Amino acid sequence: VIHPYPTQAEGIKKAADAYRRTLL
C-alpha cells in the first residue's frame, strides 16, 4: 500500500516492510 509522505501512518508501512525483510 502506497502511503502519502510524510504521514505518521507511514509507521504502519514500516512495520509491514520490516516483515517482508524477514522473508529474505
mmCIF file of all heavy atoms, coordinates in Angstrom:
data_MODEL
# 
_entry.id   MODEL 
# 
loop_
_atom_site.group_PDB 
_atom_site.id 
_atom_site.type_symbol 
_atom_site.label_atom_id 
_atom_site.label_alt_id 
_atom_site.label_comp_id 
_atom_site.label_asym_id 
_atom_site.label_entity_id 
_atom_site.label_seq_id 
_atom_site.pdbx_PDB_ins_code 
_atom_site.Cartn_x 
_atom_site.Cartn_y 
_atom_site.Cartn_z 
_atom_site.occupancy 
_atom_site.B_iso_or_equiv 
_atom_site.pdbx_formal_charge 
_atom_site.auth_seq_id 
_atom_site.auth_comp_id 
_atom_site.auth_asym_id 
_atom_site.auth_atom_id 
_atom_site.pdbx_PDB_model_num 
ATOM 1   N N   . VAL A 1 1  ? 0.846  -1.196  0.000  1.00 0.00 ? 1  VAL A N   1 
ATOM 2   C CA  . VAL A 1 1  ? 0.000  0.000   0.000  1.00 0.00 ? 1  VAL A CA  1 
ATOM 3   C C   . VAL A 1 1  ? 0.881  1.246   0.000  1.00 0.00 ? 1  VAL A C   1 
ATOM 4   O O   . VAL A 1 1  ? 1.796  1.385   0.817  1.00 0.00 ? 1  VAL A O   1 
ATOM 5   C CB  . VAL A 1 1  ? -0.926 0.021   1.232  1.00 0.00 ? 1  VAL A CB  1 
ATOM 6   C CG1 . VAL A 1 1  ? -1.698 1.338   1.299  1.00 0.00 ? 1  VAL A CG1 1 
ATOM 7   C CG2 . VAL A 1 1  ? -1.884 -1.158  1.204  1.00 0.00 ? 1  VAL A CG2 1 
ATOM 8   N N   . ILE A 1 2  ? 0.628  2.170   -0.938 1.00 0.00 ? 2  ILE A N   1 
ATOM 9   C CA  . ILE A 1 2  ? 1.399  3.405   -1.002 1.00 0.00 ? 2  ILE A CA  1 
ATOM 10  C C   . ILE A 1 2  ? 0.821  4.399   0.003  1.00 0.00 ? 2  ILE A C   1 
ATOM 11  O O   . ILE A 1 2  ? -0.362 4.738   -0.049 1.00 0.00 ? 2  ILE A O   1 
ATOM 12  C CB  . ILE A 1 2  ? 1.366  4.004   -2.416 1.00 0.00 ? 2  ILE A CB  1 
ATOM 13  C CG1 . ILE A 1 2  ? 1.975  3.017   -3.423 1.00 0.00 ? 2  ILE A CG1 1 
ATOM 14  C CG2 . ILE A 1 2  ? 2.099  5.338   -2.448 1.00 0.00 ? 2  ILE A CG2 1 
ATOM 15  C CD1 . ILE A 1 2  ? 1.819  3.460   -4.869 1.00 0.00 ? 2  ILE A CD1 1 
ATOM 16  N N   . HIS A 1 3  ? 1.657  4.847   0.925  1.00 0.00 ? 3  HIS A N   1 
ATOM 17  C CA  . HIS A 1 3  ? 1.247  5.828   1.924  1.00 0.00 ? 3  HIS A CA  1 
ATOM 18  C C   . HIS A 1 3  ? 1.775  7.205   1.525  1.00 0.00 ? 3  HIS A C   1 
ATOM 19  O O   . HIS A 1 3  ? 2.938  7.320   1.129  1.00 0.00 ? 3  HIS A O   1 
ATOM 20  C CB  . HIS A 1 3  ? 1.797  5.453   3.303  1.00 0.00 ? 3  HIS A CB  1 
ATOM 21  C CG  . HIS A 1 3  ? 1.134  4.256   3.912  1.00 0.00 ? 3  HIS A CG  1 
ATOM 22  N ND1 . HIS A 1 3  ? 1.287  2.977   3.414  1.00 0.00 ? 3  HIS A ND1 1 
ATOM 23  C CD2 . HIS A 1 3  ? 0.309  4.142   4.986  1.00 0.00 ? 3  HIS A CD2 1 
ATOM 24  C CE1 . HIS A 1 3  ? 0.580  2.127   4.148  1.00 0.00 ? 3  HIS A CE1 1 
ATOM 25  N NE2 . HIS A 1 3  ? -0.012 2.807   5.111  1.00 0.00 ? 3  HIS A NE2 1 
ATOM 26  N N   . PRO A 1 4  ? 0.964  8.228   1.611  1.00 0.00 ? 4  PRO A N   1 
ATOM 27  C CA  . PRO A 1 4  ? 1.465  9.570   1.320  1.00 0.00 ? 4  PRO A CA  1 
ATOM 28  C C   . PRO A 1 4  ? 2.625  9.912   2.253  1.00 0.00 ? 4  PRO A C   1 
ATOM 29  O O   . PRO A 1 4  ? 2.603  9.536   3.436  1.00 0.00 ? 4  PRO A O   1 
ATOM 30  C CB  . PRO A 1 4  ? 0.268  10.482  1.595  1.00 0.00 ? 4  PRO A CB  1 
ATOM 31  C CG  . PRO A 1 4  ? -0.927 9.595   1.551  1.00 0.00 ? 4  PRO A CG  1 
ATOM 32  C CD  . PRO A 1 4  ? -0.455 8.248   2.021  1.00 0.00 ? 4  PRO A CD  1 
ATOM 33  N N   . TYR A 1 5  ? 3.619  10.592  1.715  1.00 0.00 ? 5  TYR A N   1 
ATOM 34  C CA  . TYR A 1 5  ? 4.761  11.000  2.544  1.00 0.00 ? 5  TYR A CA  1 
ATOM 35  C C   . TYR A 1 5  ? 4.718  12.512  2.725  1.00 0.00 ? 5  TYR A C   1 
ATOM 36  O O   . TYR A 1 5  ? 4.496  13.240  1.754  1.00 0.00 ? 5  TYR A O   1 
ATOM 37  C CB  . TYR A 1 5  ? 6.070  10.613  1.874  1.00 0.00 ? 5  TYR A CB  1 
ATOM 38  C CG  . TYR A 1 5  ? 7.286  11.064  2.658  1.00 0.00 ? 5  TYR A CG  1 
ATOM 39  C CD1 . TYR A 1 5  ? 7.804  10.279  3.681  1.00 0.00 ? 5  TYR A CD1 1 
ATOM 40  C CD2 . TYR A 1 5  ? 7.876  12.292  2.397  1.00 0.00 ? 5  TYR A CD2 1 
ATOM 41  C CE1 . TYR A 1 5  ? 8.900  10.704  4.425  1.00 0.00 ? 5  TYR A CE1 1 
ATOM 42  C CE2 . TYR A 1 5  ? 8.968  12.720  3.131  1.00 0.00 ? 5  TYR A CE2 1 
ATOM 43  C CZ  . TYR A 1 5  ? 9.476  11.937  4.144  1.00 0.00 ? 5  TYR A CZ  1 
ATOM 44  O OH  . TYR A 1 5  ? 10.553 12.367  4.888  1.00 0.00 ? 5  TYR A OH  1 
ATOM 45  N N   . PRO A 1 6  ? 4.916  13.034  3.904  1.00 0.00 ? 6  PRO A N   1 
ATOM 46  C CA  . PRO A 1 6  ? 5.119  12.299  5.161  1.00 0.00 ? 6  PRO A CA  1 
ATOM 47  C C   . PRO A 1 6  ? 3.821  12.254  5.965  1.00 0.00 ? 6  PRO A C   1 
ATOM 48  O O   . PRO A 1 6  ? 3.129  13.254  6.124  1.00 0.00 ? 6  PRO A O   1 
ATOM 49  C CB  . PRO A 1 6  ? 6.159  13.173  5.880  1.00 0.00 ? 6  PRO A CB  1 
ATOM 50  C CG  . PRO A 1 6  ? 5.825  14.578  5.436  1.00 0.00 ? 6  PRO A CG  1 
ATOM 51  C CD  . PRO A 1 6  ? 5.245  14.461  4.050  1.00 0.00 ? 6  PRO A CD  1 
ATOM 52  N N   . THR A 1 7  ? 3.500  11.099  6.463  1.00 0.00 ? 7  THR A N   1 
ATOM 53  C CA  . THR A 1 7  ? 2.384  10.930  7.397  1.00 0.00 ? 7  THR A CA  1 
ATOM 54  C C   . THR A 1 7  ? 2.838  10.004  8.518  1.00 0.00 ? 7  THR A C   1 
ATOM 55  O O   . THR A 1 7  ? 3.749  9.199   8.336  1.00 0.00 ? 7  THR A O   1 
ATOM 56  C CB  . THR A 1 7  ? 1.149  10.312  6.717  1.00 0.00 ? 7  THR A CB  1 
ATOM 57  O OG1 . THR A 1 7  ? 1.495  9.026   6.193  1.00 0.00 ? 7  THR A OG1 1 
ATOM 58  C CG2 . THR A 1 7  ? 0.608  11.191  5.608  1.00 0.00 ? 7  THR A CG2 1 
ATOM 59  N N   . GLN A 1 8  ? 2.157  10.122  9.653  1.00 0.00 ? 8  GLN A N   1 
ATOM 60  C CA  . GLN A 1 8  ? 2.512  9.241   10.761 1.00 0.00 ? 8  GLN A CA  1 
ATOM 61  C C   . GLN A 1 8  ? 2.072  7.811   10.505 1.00 0.00 ? 8  GLN A C   1 
ATOM 62  O O   . GLN A 1 8  ? 2.649  6.867   11.053 1.00 0.00 ? 8  GLN A O   1 
ATOM 63  C CB  . GLN A 1 8  ? 1.918  9.776   12.072 1.00 0.00 ? 8  GLN A CB  1 
ATOM 64  C CG  . GLN A 1 8  ? 2.547  11.089  12.498 1.00 0.00 ? 8  GLN A CG  1 
ATOM 65  C CD  . GLN A 1 8  ? 2.314  11.428  13.955 1.00 0.00 ? 8  GLN A CD  1 
ATOM 66  O OE1 . GLN A 1 8  ? 2.028  10.557  14.763 1.00 0.00 ? 8  GLN A OE1 1 
ATOM 67  N NE2 . GLN A 1 8  ? 2.446  12.698  14.295 1.00 0.00 ? 8  GLN A NE2 1 
ATOM 68  N N   . ALA A 1 9  ? 1.065  7.630   9.641  1.00 0.00 ? 9  ALA A N   1 
ATOM 69  C CA  . ALA A 1 9  ? 0.634  6.271   9.293  1.00 0.00 ? 9  ALA A CA  1 
ATOM 70  C C   . ALA A 1 9  ? 1.711  5.506   8.550  1.00 0.00 ? 9  ALA A C   1 
ATOM 71  O O   . ALA A 1 9  ? 1.605  4.285   8.389  1.00 0.00 ? 9  ALA A O   1 
ATOM 72  C CB  . ALA A 1 9  ? -0.643 6.327   8.460  1.00 0.00 ? 9  ALA A CB  1 
ATOM 73  N N   . GLU A 1 10 ? 2.761  6.196   8.123  1.00 0.00 ? 10 GLU A N   1 
ATOM 74  C CA  . GLU A 1 10 ? 3.881  5.508   7.492  1.00 0.00 ? 10 GLU A CA  1 
ATOM 75  C C   . GLU A 1 10 ? 4.525  4.515   8.462  1.00 0.00 ? 10 GLU A C   1 
ATOM 76  O O   . GLU A 1 10 ? 5.181  3.567   8.037  1.00 0.00 ? 10 GLU A O   1 
ATOM 77  C CB  . GLU A 1 10 ? 4.916  6.525   7.013  1.00 0.00 ? 10 GLU A CB  1 
ATOM 78  C CG  . GLU A 1 10 ? 5.963  5.929   6.095  1.00 0.00 ? 10 GLU A CG  1 
ATOM 79  C CD  . GLU A 1 10 ? 7.037  6.936   5.701  1.00 0.00 ? 10 GLU A CD  1 
ATOM 80  O OE1 . GLU A 1 10 ? 7.003  8.065   6.215  1.00 0.00 ? 10 GLU A OE1 1 
ATOM 81  O OE2 . GLU A 1 10 ? 7.913  6.561   4.902  1.00 0.00 ? 10 GLU A OE2 1 
ATOM 82  N N   . GLY A 1 11 ? 4.301  4.719   9.768  1.00 0.00 ? 11 GLY A N   1 
ATOM 83  C CA  . GLY A 1 11 ? 4.796  3.752   10.750 1.00 0.00 ? 11 GLY A CA  1 
ATOM 84  C C   . GLY A 1 11 ? 4.216  2.369   10.520 1.00 0.00 ? 11 GLY A C   1 
ATOM 85  O O   . GLY A 1 11 ? 4.870  1.348   10.788 1.00 0.00 ? 11 GLY A O   1 
ATOM 86  N N   . ILE A 1 12 ? 2.965  2.311   10.038 1.00 0.00 ? 12 ILE A N   1 
ATOM 87  C CA  . ILE A 1 12 ? 2.334  1.022   9.736  1.00 0.00 ? 12 ILE A CA  1 
ATOM 88  C C   . ILE A 1 12 ? 3.026  0.364   8.544  1.00 0.00 ? 12 ILE A C   1 
ATOM 89  O O   . ILE A 1 12 ? 3.309  -0.832  8.551  1.00 0.00 ? 12 ILE A O   1 
ATOM 90  C CB  . ILE A 1 12 ? 0.827  1.217   9.473  1.00 0.00 ? 12 ILE A CB  1 
ATOM 91  C CG1 . ILE A 1 12 ? 0.139  1.769   10.725 1.00 0.00 ? 12 ILE A CG1 1 
ATOM 92  C CG2 . ILE A 1 12 ? 0.177  -0.084  9.024  1.00 0.00 ? 12 ILE A CG2 1 
ATOM 93  C CD1 . ILE A 1 12 ? -1.297 2.204   10.507 1.00 0.00 ? 12 ILE A CD1 1 
ATOM 94  N N   . LYS A 1 13 ? 3.311  1.166   7.509  1.00 0.00 ? 13 LYS A N   1 
ATOM 95  C CA  . LYS A 1 13 ? 4.004  0.616   6.336  1.00 0.00 ? 13 LYS A CA  1 
ATOM 96  C C   . LYS A 1 13 ? 5.415  0.152   6.717  1.00 0.00 ? 13 LYS A C   1 
ATOM 97  O O   . LYS A 1 13 ? 5.882  -0.885  6.233  1.00 0.00 ? 13 LYS A O   1 
ATOM 98  C CB  . LYS A 1 13 ? 4.081  1.661   5.221  1.00 0.00 ? 13 LYS A CB  1 
ATOM 99  C CG  . LYS A 1 13 ? 4.779  1.148   3.966  1.00 0.00 ? 13 LYS A CG  1 
ATOM 100 C CD  . LYS A 1 13 ? 4.711  2.133   2.831  1.00 0.00 ? 13 LYS A CD  1 
ATOM 101 C CE  . LYS A 1 13 ? 5.490  1.644   1.615  1.00 0.00 ? 13 LYS A CE  1 
ATOM 102 N NZ  . LYS A 1 13 ? 4.997  0.360   1.106  1.00 0.00 ? 13 LYS A NZ  1 
ATOM 103 N N   . LYS A 1 14 ? 6.085  0.907   7.580  1.00 0.00 ? 14 LYS A N   1 
ATOM 104 C CA  . LYS A 1 14 ? 7.417  0.497   8.030  1.00 0.00 ? 14 LYS A CA  1 
ATOM 105 C C   . LYS A 1 14 ? 7.364  -0.870  8.722  1.00 0.00 ? 14 LYS A C   1 
ATOM 106 O O   . LYS A 1 14 ? 8.263  -1.705  8.555  1.00 0.00 ? 14 LYS A O   1 
ATOM 107 C CB  . LYS A 1 14 ? 8.000  1.546   8.969  1.00 0.00 ? 14 LYS A CB  1 
ATOM 108 C CG  . LYS A 1 14 ? 8.579  2.780   8.273  1.00 0.00 ? 14 LYS A CG  1 
ATOM 109 C CD  . LYS A 1 14 ? 9.083  3.780   9.299  1.00 0.00 ? 14 LYS A CD  1 
ATOM 110 C CE  . LYS A 1 14 ? 9.831  4.922   8.632  1.00 0.00 ? 14 LYS A CE  1 
ATOM 111 N NZ  . LYS A 1 14 ? 11.153 4.527   8.115  1.00 0.00 ? 14 LYS A NZ  1 
ATOM 112 N N   . ALA A 1 15 ? 6.297  -1.091  9.508  1.00 0.00 ? 15 ALA A N   1 
ATOM 113 C CA  . ALA A 1 15 ? 6.152  -2.387  10.169 1.00 0.00 ? 15 ALA A CA  1 
ATOM 114 C C   . ALA A 1 15 ? 5.944  -3.495  9.138  1.00 0.00 ? 15 ALA A C   1 
ATOM 115 O O   . ALA A 1 15 ? 6.520  -4.590  9.247  1.00 0.00 ? 15 ALA A O   1 
ATOM 116 C CB  . ALA A 1 15 ? 4.987  -2.342  11.153 1.00 0.00 ? 15 ALA A CB  1 
ATOM 117 N N   . ALA A 1 16 ? 5.118  -3.215  8.116  1.00 0.00 ? 16 ALA A N   1 
ATOM 118 C CA  . ALA A 1 16 ? 4.882  -4.213  7.068  1.00 0.00 ? 16 ALA A CA  1 
ATOM 119 C C   . ALA A 1 16 ? 6.152  -4.477  6.267  1.00 0.00 ? 16 ALA A C   1 
ATOM 120 O O   . ALA A 1 16 ? 6.463  -5.630  5.927  1.00 0.00 ? 16 ALA A O   1 
ATOM 121 C CB  . ALA A 1 16 ? 3.760  -3.727  6.151  1.00 0.00 ? 16 ALA A CB  1 
ATOM 122 N N   . ASP A 1 17 ? 6.919  -3.412  5.970  1.00 0.00 ? 17 ASP A N   1 
ATOM 123 C CA  . ASP A 1 17 ? 8.182  -3.592  5.247  1.00 0.00 ? 17 ASP A CA  1 
ATOM 124 C C   . ASP A 1 17 ? 9.171  -4.405  6.083  1.00 0.00 ? 17 ASP A C   1 
ATOM 125 O O   . ASP A 1 17 ? 9.935  -5.219  5.535  1.00 0.00 ? 17 ASP A O   1 
ATOM 126 C CB  . ASP A 1 17 ? 8.794  -2.229  4.913  1.00 0.00 ? 17 ASP A CB  1 
ATOM 127 C CG  . ASP A 1 17 ? 8.045  -1.511  3.800  1.00 0.00 ? 17 ASP A CG  1 
ATOM 128 O OD1 . ASP A 1 17 ? 7.240  -2.169  3.107  1.00 0.00 ? 17 ASP A OD1 1 
ATOM 129 O OD2 . ASP A 1 17 ? 8.259  -0.298  3.628  1.00 0.00 ? 17 ASP A OD2 1 
ATOM 130 N N   . ALA A 1 18 ? 9.162  -4.175  7.391  1.00 0.00 ? 18 ALA A N   1 
ATOM 131 C CA  . ALA A 1 18 ? 10.059 -4.935  8.277  1.00 0.00 ? 18 ALA A CA  1 
ATOM 132 C C   . ALA A 1 18 ? 9.739  -6.422  8.216  1.00 0.00 ? 18 ALA A C   1 
ATOM 133 O O   . ALA A 1 18 ? 10.648 -7.270  8.251  1.00 0.00 ? 18 ALA A O   1 
ATOM 134 C CB  . ALA A 1 18 ? 9.942  -4.423  9.705  1.00 0.00 ? 18 ALA A CB  1 
ATOM 135 N N   . TYR A 1 19 ? 8.454  -6.742  8.095  1.00 0.00 ? 19 TYR A N   1 
ATOM 136 C CA  . TYR A 1 19 ? 8.078  -8.157  7.958  1.00 0.00 ? 19 TYR A CA  1 
ATOM 137 C C   . TYR A 1 19 ? 8.627  -8.732  6.652  1.00 0.00 ? 19 TYR A C   1 
ATOM 138 O O   . TYR A 1 19 ? 9.195  -9.831  6.624  1.00 0.00 ? 19 TYR A O   1 
ATOM 139 C CB  . TYR A 1 19 ? 6.565  -8.329  7.998  1.00 0.00 ? 19 TYR A CB  1 
ATOM 140 C CG  . TYR A 1 19 ? 6.140  -9.712  7.549  1.00 0.00 ? 19 TYR A CG  1 
ATOM 141 C CD1 . TYR A 1 19 ? 6.279  -10.808 8.390  1.00 0.00 ? 19 TYR A CD1 1 
ATOM 142 C CD2 . TYR A 1 19 ? 5.653  -9.926  6.251  1.00 0.00 ? 19 TYR A CD2 1 
ATOM 143 C CE1 . TYR A 1 19 ? 5.949  -12.089 7.966  1.00 0.00 ? 19 TYR A CE1 1 
ATOM 144 C CE2 . TYR A 1 19 ? 5.314  -11.199 5.825  1.00 0.00 ? 19 TYR A CE2 1 
ATOM 145 C CZ  . TYR A 1 19 ? 5.457  -12.273 6.685  1.00 0.00 ? 19 TYR A CZ  1 
ATOM 146 O OH  . TYR A 1 19 ? 5.136  -13.540 6.270  1.00 0.00 ? 19 TYR A OH  1 
ATOM 147 N N   . ARG A 1 20 ? 8.478  -7.987  5.570  1.00 0.00 ? 20 ARG A N   1 
ATOM 148 C CA  . ARG A 1 20 ? 8.932  -8.507  4.266  1.00 0.00 ? 20 ARG A CA  1 
ATOM 149 C C   . ARG A 1 20 ? 10.435 -8.764  4.265  1.00 0.00 ? 20 ARG A C   1 
ATOM 150 O O   . ARG A 1 20 ? 10.914 -9.700  3.620  1.00 0.00 ? 20 ARG A O   1 
ATOM 151 C CB  . ARG A 1 20 ? 8.555  -7.530  3.157  1.00 0.00 ? 20 ARG A CB  1 
ATOM 152 C CG  . ARG A 1 20 ? 7.061  -7.415  2.942  1.00 0.00 ? 20 ARG A CG  1 
ATOM 153 C CD  . ARG A 1 20 ? 6.722  -6.696  1.671  1.00 0.00 ? 20 ARG A CD  1 
ATOM 154 N NE  . ARG A 1 20 ? 6.919  -7.553  0.509  1.00 0.00 ? 20 ARG A NE  1 
ATOM 155 C CZ  . ARG A 1 20 ? 6.462  -7.258  -0.710 1.00 0.00 ? 20 ARG A CZ  1 
ATOM 156 N NH1 . ARG A 1 20 ? 5.806  -6.125  -0.903 1.00 0.00 ? 20 ARG A NH1 1 
ATOM 157 N NH2 . ARG A 1 20 ? 6.671  -8.065  -1.710 1.00 0.00 ? 20 ARG A NH2 1 
ATOM 158 N N   . ARG A 1 21 ? 11.159 -7.944  5.000  1.00 0.00 ? 21 ARG A N   1 
ATOM 159 C CA  . ARG A 1 21 ? 12.602 -8.160  5.051  1.00 0.00 ? 21 ARG A CA  1 
ATOM 160 C C   . ARG A 1 21 ? 12.964 -9.465  5.754  1.00 0.00 ? 21 ARG A C   1 
ATOM 161 O O   . ARG A 1 21 ? 14.003 -10.056 5.489  1.00 0.00 ? 21 ARG A O   1 
ATOM 162 C CB  . ARG A 1 21 ? 13.281 -6.973  5.743  1.00 0.00 ? 21 ARG A CB  1 
ATOM 163 C CG  . ARG A 1 21 ? 13.332 -5.716  4.868  1.00 0.00 ? 21 ARG A CG  1 
ATOM 164 C CD  . ARG A 1 21 ? 14.305 -4.691  5.433  1.00 0.00 ? 21 ARG A CD  1 
ATOM 165 N NE  . ARG A 1 21 ? 13.857 -4.166  6.713  1.00 0.00 ? 21 ARG A NE  1 
ATOM 166 C CZ  . ARG A 1 21 ? 13.040 -3.124  6.846  1.00 0.00 ? 21 ARG A CZ  1 
ATOM 167 N NH1 . ARG A 1 21 ? 12.558 -2.510  5.755  1.00 0.00 ? 21 ARG A NH1 1 
ATOM 168 N NH2 . ARG A 1 21 ? 12.696 -2.698  8.037  1.00 0.00 ? 21 ARG A NH2 1 
ATOM 169 N N   . THR A 1 22 ? 12.071 -9.918  6.645  1.00 0.00 ? 22 THR A N   1 
ATOM 170 C CA  . THR A 1 22 ? 12.345 -11.189 7.329  1.00 0.00 ? 22 THR A CA  1 
ATOM 171 C C   . THR A 1 22 ? 12.226 -12.373 6.380  1.00 0.00 ? 22 THR A C   1 
ATOM 172 O O   . THR A 1 22 ? 12.683 -13.481 6.709  1.00 0.00 ? 22 THR A O   1 
ATOM 173 C CB  . THR A 1 22 ? 11.388 -11.404 8.519  1.00 0.00 ? 22 THR A CB  1 
ATOM 174 O OG1 . THR A 1 22 ? 10.035 -11.579 8.029  1.00 0.00 ? 22 THR A OG1 1 
ATOM 175 C CG2 . THR A 1 22 ? 11.428 -10.231 9.485  1.00 0.00 ? 22 THR A CG2 1 
ATOM 176 N N   . LEU A 1 23 ? 11.606 -12.179 5.223  1.00 0.00 ? 23 LEU A N   1 
ATOM 177 C CA  . LEU A 1 23 ? 11.419 -13.263 4.259  1.00 0.00 ? 23 LEU A CA  1 
ATOM 178 C C   . LEU A 1 23 ? 12.680 -13.533 3.438  1.00 0.00 ? 23 LEU A C   1 
ATOM 179 O O   . LEU A 1 23 ? 12.773 -14.558 2.757  1.00 0.00 ? 23 LEU A O   1 
ATOM 180 C CB  . LEU A 1 23 ? 10.254 -12.942 3.326  1.00 0.00 ? 23 LEU A CB  1 
ATOM 181 C CG  . LEU A 1 23 ? 8.894  -12.693 4.004  1.00 0.00 ? 23 LEU A CG  1 
ATOM 182 C CD1 . LEU A 1 23 ? 7.840  -12.372 2.953  1.00 0.00 ? 23 LEU A CD1 1 
ATOM 183 C CD2 . LEU A 1 23 ? 8.471  -13.891 4.844  1.00 0.00 ? 23 LEU A CD2 1 
ATOM 184 N N   . LEU A 1 24 ? 13.599 -12.580 3.502  1.00 0.00 ? 24 LEU A N   1 
ATOM 185 C CA  . LEU A 1 24 ? 14.834 -12.752 2.726  1.00 0.00 ? 24 LEU A CA  1 
ATOM 186 C C   . LEU A 1 24 ? 15.759 -13.729 3.443  1.00 0.00 ? 24 LEU A C   1 
ATOM 187 O O   . LEU A 1 24 ? 16.206 -13.487 4.563  1.00 0.00 ? 24 LEU A O   1 
ATOM 188 C CB  . LEU A 1 24 ? 15.525 -11.402 2.548  1.00 0.00 ? 24 LEU A CB  1 
ATOM 189 C CG  . LEU A 1 24 ? 14.796 -10.374 1.669  1.00 0.00 ? 24 LEU A CG  1 
ATOM 190 C CD1 . LEU A 1 24 ? 15.532 -9.042  1.706  1.00 0.00 ? 24 LEU A CD1 1 
ATOM 191 C CD2 . LEU A 1 24 ? 14.675 -10.882 0.240  1.00 0.00 ? 24 LEU A CD2 1 
# 
